[in-house]
Amino acid sequence: MANAFVHVELNTPDPAKAKTFYSKLFQWKLADVPNTAVPDGSYTMIEVGAGTGGGIMKQVAGGPAGWLPYVEVDDIHAATQRAESLGGKVMKDVTEVSGMGWFSFIQDPTGAVLGLWKSK
């Protein structure tokens, strides 16, 4: 499938509270990793076993709060610009995640928010 959903991320004002809640609710394995692309420099990877994994991070300024799905794209800059040219809004421009790839947040013309992701 082209442009598959590849990651689901919780952007929250209180990552510690969210980690406690979700680890108890679903028994997810959580692993904190350093990440300079996020507001507090910390990111928590979620290992779910089978299926698409995700992460938990402190909410990005100007970004959405809540669960955000990511779609893999071939060219992150072109896809982000194309979303805007089609009437969408760029909520977070292309940002590098050191050693992993790049992401952006877009909002479609109906108000729904989506993350775009390009792996290194």
N, C-alpha and C. Protein backbone atom coordinates (compact mmCIF):
# COMPACT_ATOMS: atom_id res chain seq x y z
N MET A 1 0.85 -1.18 0.00
CA MET A 1 0.00 0.00 0.00
C MET A 1 0.89 1.23 0.00
N ALA A 2 0.67 2.13 -0.90
CA ALA A 2 1.42 3.39 -0.94
C ALA A 2 0.97 4.30 0.19
N ASN A 3 1.91 5.00 0.77
CA ASN A 3 1.63 5.96 1.83
C ASN A 3 0.84 5.35 2.99
N ALA A 4 1.39 4.31 3.55
CA ALA A 4 0.75 3.61 4.67
C ALA A 4 0.90 4.38 5.98
N PHE A 5 -0.02 4.14 6.91
CA PHE A 5 0.14 4.65 8.26
C PHE A 5 1.28 3.87 8.90
N VAL A 6 2.26 4.59 9.49
CA VAL A 6 3.45 3.92 10.00
C VAL A 6 3.73 4.15 11.48
N HIS A 7 3.01 5.07 12.11
CA HIS A 7 3.33 5.43 13.48
C HIS A 7 2.12 6.18 14.05
N VAL A 8 1.86 6.01 15.32
CA VAL A 8 0.81 6.76 16.01
C VAL A 8 1.44 7.36 17.25
N GLU A 9 1.23 8.66 17.43
CA GLU A 9 1.96 9.38 18.48
C GLU A 9 0.99 10.18 19.35
N LEU A 10 1.22 10.13 20.65
CA LEU A 10 0.45 10.95 21.57
C LEU A 10 1.25 12.21 21.89
N ASN A 11 0.69 13.36 21.52
CA ASN A 11 1.25 14.66 21.88
C ASN A 11 0.43 15.14 23.07
N THR A 12 1.09 15.32 24.20
CA THR A 12 0.37 15.61 25.44
C THR A 12 1.11 16.66 26.28
N PRO A 13 0.36 17.48 27.00
CA PRO A 13 1.02 18.43 27.90
C PRO A 13 1.65 17.75 29.12
N ASP A 14 1.29 16.48 29.39
CA ASP A 14 1.81 15.77 30.57
C ASP A 14 2.21 14.34 30.20
N PRO A 15 3.40 14.17 29.59
CA PRO A 15 3.83 12.83 29.18
C PRO A 15 3.91 11.83 30.33
N ALA A 16 4.37 12.24 31.49
CA ALA A 16 4.51 11.31 32.61
C ALA A 16 3.16 10.71 33.01
N LYS A 17 2.16 11.54 33.08
CA LYS A 17 0.81 11.08 33.43
C LYS A 17 0.27 10.14 32.36
N ALA A 18 0.50 10.48 31.09
CA ALA A 18 0.03 9.64 29.99
C ALA A 18 0.74 8.29 30.00
N LYS A 19 2.05 8.29 30.24
CA LYS A 19 2.81 7.03 30.27
C LYS A 19 2.29 6.11 31.37
N THR A 20 2.03 6.66 32.54
CA THR A 20 1.50 5.86 33.64
C THR A 20 0.15 5.26 33.26
N PHE A 21 -0.73 6.06 32.70
CA PHE A 21 -2.06 5.61 32.31
C PHE A 21 -2.01 4.50 31.26
N TYR A 22 -1.33 4.75 30.14
CA TYR A 22 -1.34 3.79 29.03
C TYR A 22 -0.54 2.52 29.32
N SER A 23 0.53 2.63 30.09
CA SER A 23 1.28 1.42 30.42
C SER A 23 0.45 0.50 31.31
N LYS A 24 -0.36 1.07 32.17
CA LYS A 24 -1.23 0.25 33.03
C LYS A 24 -2.45 -0.26 32.26
N LEU A 25 -3.00 0.56 31.38
CA LEU A 25 -4.19 0.19 30.62
C LEU A 25 -3.91 -0.95 29.64
N PHE A 26 -2.81 -0.85 28.89
CA PHE A 26 -2.53 -1.81 27.83
C PHE A 26 -1.29 -2.67 28.05
N GLN A 27 -0.54 -2.45 29.11
CA GLN A 27 0.71 -3.16 29.37
C GLN A 27 1.71 -2.99 28.22
N TRP A 28 1.70 -1.80 27.60
CA TRP A 28 2.68 -1.50 26.56
C TRP A 28 4.07 -1.41 27.16
N LYS A 29 5.08 -1.81 26.38
CA LYS A 29 6.47 -1.60 26.76
C LYS A 29 6.84 -0.18 26.34
N LEU A 30 7.33 0.61 27.27
CA LEU A 30 7.71 1.99 27.01
C LEU A 30 9.21 2.15 27.19
N ALA A 31 9.84 2.85 26.26
CA ALA A 31 11.29 3.08 26.34
C ALA A 31 11.59 4.54 26.03
N ASP A 32 12.15 5.26 27.01
CA ASP A 32 12.52 6.65 26.81
C ASP A 32 13.80 6.75 26.01
N VAL A 33 13.79 7.65 25.02
CA VAL A 33 14.97 7.88 24.18
C VAL A 33 15.19 9.38 24.06
N PRO A 34 16.45 9.83 23.99
CA PRO A 34 16.69 11.26 23.79
C PRO A 34 16.27 11.67 22.39
N ASN A 35 15.71 12.88 22.28
CA ASN A 35 15.28 13.38 20.98
C ASN A 35 15.28 14.90 21.03
N THR A 36 16.21 15.52 20.34
CA THR A 36 16.32 16.98 20.36
C THR A 36 15.25 17.68 19.54
N ALA A 37 14.45 16.94 18.77
CA ALA A 37 13.40 17.55 17.95
C ALA A 37 12.11 17.80 18.73
N VAL A 38 12.04 17.35 19.97
CA VAL A 38 10.82 17.53 20.77
C VAL A 38 11.08 18.54 21.89
N PRO A 39 10.01 19.15 22.39
CA PRO A 39 10.15 20.27 23.33
C PRO A 39 11.01 20.01 24.57
N ASP A 40 10.89 18.84 25.19
CA ASP A 40 11.66 18.60 26.43
C ASP A 40 12.87 17.69 26.20
N GLY A 41 13.17 17.36 24.94
CA GLY A 41 14.34 16.56 24.63
C GLY A 41 14.19 15.08 24.91
N SER A 42 12.98 14.64 25.24
CA SER A 42 12.76 13.23 25.56
C SER A 42 11.57 12.71 24.76
N TYR A 43 11.67 11.46 24.35
CA TYR A 43 10.61 10.82 23.58
C TYR A 43 10.45 9.41 24.11
N THR A 44 9.23 8.93 24.20
CA THR A 44 8.98 7.58 24.68
C THR A 44 8.45 6.73 23.54
N MET A 45 9.20 5.69 23.19
CA MET A 45 8.75 4.75 22.16
C MET A 45 7.78 3.76 22.79
N ILE A 46 6.73 3.43 22.03
CA ILE A 46 5.73 2.45 22.47
C ILE A 46 5.90 1.20 21.62
N GLU A 47 6.19 0.09 22.29
CA GLU A 47 6.27 -1.20 21.61
C GLU A 47 4.98 -1.96 21.92
N VAL A 48 4.23 -2.27 20.86
CA VAL A 48 2.93 -2.90 21.04
C VAL A 48 2.92 -4.38 20.65
N GLY A 49 4.05 -4.88 20.17
CA GLY A 49 4.08 -6.25 19.64
C GLY A 49 3.68 -6.20 18.18
N ALA A 50 2.62 -6.90 17.80
CA ALA A 50 2.13 -6.88 16.42
C ALA A 50 1.41 -5.57 16.14
N GLY A 51 1.54 -5.07 14.93
CA GLY A 51 0.84 -3.85 14.54
C GLY A 51 1.76 -2.64 14.57
N THR A 52 1.17 -1.49 14.33
CA THR A 52 1.91 -0.23 14.27
C THR A 52 2.20 0.27 15.67
N GLY A 53 3.46 0.56 15.93
CA GLY A 53 3.86 1.10 17.22
C GLY A 53 3.68 2.60 17.25
N GLY A 54 4.21 3.22 18.28
CA GLY A 54 4.03 4.66 18.40
C GLY A 54 4.96 5.28 19.39
N GLY A 55 4.54 6.44 19.87
CA GLY A 55 5.34 7.19 20.81
C GLY A 55 4.51 8.15 21.63
N ILE A 56 5.13 8.65 22.68
CA ILE A 56 4.51 9.66 23.55
C ILE A 56 5.52 10.78 23.71
N MET A 57 5.05 12.01 23.54
CA MET A 57 5.95 13.15 23.67
C MET A 57 5.20 14.36 24.21
N LYS A 58 5.98 15.32 24.72
CA LYS A 58 5.41 16.58 25.16
C LYS A 58 4.87 17.30 23.94
N GLN A 59 3.70 17.88 24.09
CA GLN A 59 3.04 18.59 22.99
C GLN A 59 3.94 19.67 22.40
N VAL A 60 4.06 19.66 21.07
CA VAL A 60 4.84 20.66 20.34
C VAL A 60 4.05 21.97 20.29
N ALA A 61 4.71 23.10 20.55
CA ALA A 61 4.04 24.40 20.47
C ALA A 61 3.43 24.56 19.08
N GLY A 62 2.15 24.89 19.03
CA GLY A 62 1.45 25.04 17.77
C GLY A 62 0.95 23.74 17.21
N GLY A 63 1.32 22.64 17.83
CA GLY A 63 0.87 21.32 17.36
C GLY A 63 -0.37 20.88 18.11
N PRO A 64 -0.96 19.81 17.63
CA PRO A 64 -2.19 19.32 18.24
C PRO A 64 -1.91 18.54 19.53
N ALA A 65 -2.88 18.53 20.43
CA ALA A 65 -2.85 17.64 21.58
C ALA A 65 -3.70 16.43 21.21
N GLY A 66 -3.27 15.26 21.60
CA GLY A 66 -4.03 14.05 21.32
C GLY A 66 -3.22 13.10 20.46
N TRP A 67 -3.89 12.04 20.03
CA TRP A 67 -3.25 11.01 19.21
C TRP A 67 -3.15 11.49 17.78
N LEU A 68 -1.98 11.30 17.18
CA LEU A 68 -1.71 11.77 15.83
C LEU A 68 -1.13 10.62 15.00
N PRO A 69 -1.84 10.20 13.93
CA PRO A 69 -1.28 9.19 13.05
C PRO A 69 -0.31 9.81 12.06
N TYR A 70 0.68 9.03 11.65
CA TYR A 70 1.67 9.47 10.66
C TYR A 70 1.58 8.59 9.42
N VAL A 71 1.74 9.22 8.25
CA VAL A 71 1.76 8.53 6.98
C VAL A 71 3.16 8.67 6.38
N GLU A 72 3.71 7.57 5.89
CA GLU A 72 5.03 7.58 5.24
C GLU A 72 4.92 8.23 3.87
N VAL A 73 5.85 9.12 3.56
CA VAL A 73 5.91 9.78 2.25
C VAL A 73 7.31 9.64 1.67
N ASP A 74 7.42 9.71 0.35
CA ASP A 74 8.71 9.60 -0.32
C ASP A 74 9.53 10.88 -0.21
N ASP A 75 8.84 12.03 -0.27
CA ASP A 75 9.51 13.34 -0.25
C ASP A 75 8.75 14.23 0.74
N ILE A 76 9.29 14.37 1.94
CA ILE A 76 8.59 15.10 3.00
C ILE A 76 8.35 16.56 2.65
N HIS A 77 9.31 17.20 2.02
CA HIS A 77 9.14 18.61 1.65
C HIS A 77 8.05 18.77 0.60
N ALA A 78 8.08 17.94 -0.43
CA ALA A 78 7.08 18.03 -1.50
C ALA A 78 5.68 17.71 -0.98
N ALA A 79 5.56 16.68 -0.14
CA ALA A 79 4.24 16.30 0.39
C ALA A 79 3.67 17.39 1.29
N THR A 80 4.53 18.01 2.09
CA THR A 80 4.08 19.09 2.98
C THR A 80 3.62 20.28 2.15
N GLN A 81 4.38 20.65 1.15
CA GLN A 81 4.00 21.76 0.27
C GLN A 81 2.74 21.44 -0.53
N ARG A 82 2.62 20.20 -0.97
CA ARG A 82 1.44 19.79 -1.74
C ARG A 82 0.18 19.89 -0.88
N ALA A 83 0.28 19.48 0.38
CA ALA A 83 -0.88 19.60 1.28
C ALA A 83 -1.35 21.05 1.36
N GLU A 84 -0.40 21.97 1.47
CA GLU A 84 -0.74 23.39 1.56
C GLU A 84 -1.36 23.87 0.24
N SER A 85 -0.81 23.44 -0.88
CA SER A 85 -1.34 23.87 -2.19
C SER A 85 -2.74 23.32 -2.45
N LEU A 86 -3.11 22.24 -1.75
CA LEU A 86 -4.44 21.66 -1.90
C LEU A 86 -5.45 22.23 -0.90
N GLY A 87 -5.06 23.28 -0.18
CA GLY A 87 -5.98 23.92 0.76
C GLY A 87 -5.77 23.54 2.20
N GLY A 88 -4.73 22.75 2.47
CA GLY A 88 -4.42 22.39 3.85
C GLY A 88 -3.55 23.46 4.50
N LYS A 89 -3.27 23.25 5.78
CA LYS A 89 -2.45 24.19 6.54
C LYS A 89 -1.26 23.42 7.11
N VAL A 90 -0.09 24.01 7.03
CA VAL A 90 1.09 23.40 7.65
C VAL A 90 1.14 23.88 9.09
N MET A 91 0.94 22.95 10.01
CA MET A 91 0.94 23.30 11.44
C MET A 91 2.36 23.25 12.02
N LYS A 92 3.19 22.36 11.51
CA LYS A 92 4.59 22.22 11.93
C LYS A 92 5.36 21.87 10.68
N ASP A 93 6.27 22.75 10.29
CA ASP A 93 7.03 22.52 9.07
C ASP A 93 7.99 21.35 9.26
N VAL A 94 8.59 20.92 8.20
CA VAL A 94 9.49 19.76 8.20
C VAL A 94 10.57 19.94 9.26
N THR A 95 10.70 18.94 10.11
CA THR A 95 11.66 18.95 11.22
C THR A 95 12.40 17.62 11.23
N GLU A 96 13.71 17.68 11.41
CA GLU A 96 14.51 16.45 11.44
C GLU A 96 14.49 15.83 12.83
N VAL A 97 14.39 14.52 12.85
CA VAL A 97 14.58 13.72 14.06
C VAL A 97 15.92 13.03 13.87
N SER A 98 16.91 13.46 14.60
CA SER A 98 18.29 13.02 14.42
C SER A 98 18.41 11.51 14.33
N GLY A 99 19.01 11.06 13.24
CA GLY A 99 19.27 9.64 13.06
C GLY A 99 18.08 8.81 12.61
N MET A 100 16.89 9.42 12.53
CA MET A 100 15.69 8.64 12.22
C MET A 100 14.99 9.09 10.94
N GLY A 101 14.79 10.40 10.78
CA GLY A 101 14.04 10.89 9.62
C GLY A 101 13.53 12.30 9.83
N TRP A 102 12.41 12.61 9.16
CA TRP A 102 11.82 13.96 9.21
C TRP A 102 10.31 13.83 9.36
N PHE A 103 9.70 14.83 10.01
CA PHE A 103 8.25 14.84 10.14
C PHE A 103 7.72 16.25 9.91
N SER A 104 6.42 16.32 9.63
CA SER A 104 5.69 17.59 9.61
C SER A 104 4.26 17.29 10.06
N PHE A 105 3.54 18.33 10.48
CA PHE A 105 2.12 18.21 10.82
C PHE A 105 1.34 19.04 9.81
N ILE A 106 0.29 18.46 9.25
CA ILE A 106 -0.59 19.22 8.37
C ILE A 106 -2.02 19.14 8.89
N GLN A 107 -2.82 20.09 8.48
CA GLN A 107 -4.25 20.09 8.80
C GLN A 107 -4.99 20.15 7.48
N ASP A 108 -5.89 19.21 7.26
CA ASP A 108 -6.62 19.20 6.00
C ASP A 108 -7.69 20.30 6.00
N PRO A 109 -8.34 20.56 4.86
CA PRO A 109 -9.34 21.63 4.79
C PRO A 109 -10.57 21.42 5.69
N THR A 110 -10.74 20.20 6.23
CA THR A 110 -11.87 19.96 7.13
C THR A 110 -11.49 20.12 8.60
N GLY A 111 -10.19 20.35 8.86
CA GLY A 111 -9.72 20.55 10.23
C GLY A 111 -9.00 19.37 10.84
N ALA A 112 -8.98 18.20 10.15
CA ALA A 112 -8.29 17.02 10.68
C ALA A 112 -6.78 17.19 10.56
N VAL A 113 -6.05 16.71 11.57
CA VAL A 113 -4.60 16.84 11.62
C VAL A 113 -3.96 15.49 11.32
N LEU A 114 -2.85 15.52 10.57
CA LEU A 114 -2.13 14.33 10.18
C LEU A 114 -0.64 14.61 10.22
N GLY A 115 0.14 13.62 10.62
CA GLY A 115 1.59 13.73 10.56
C GLY A 115 2.10 13.09 9.29
N LEU A 116 3.12 13.70 8.70
CA LEU A 116 3.81 13.11 7.55
C LEU A 116 5.19 12.69 8.04
N TRP A 117 5.70 11.57 7.54
CA TRP A 117 6.97 11.02 8.01
C TRP A 117 7.80 10.52 6.83
N LYS A 118 9.08 10.82 6.87
CA LYS A 118 10.05 10.31 5.89
C LYS A 118 11.20 9.71 6.68
N SER A 119 11.40 8.40 6.55
CA SER A 119 12.50 7.73 7.22
C SER A 119 13.81 8.05 6.54
N LYS A 120 14.90 8.03 7.32
CA LYS A 120 16.25 8.19 6.74
C LYS A 120 16.60 6.97 5.96
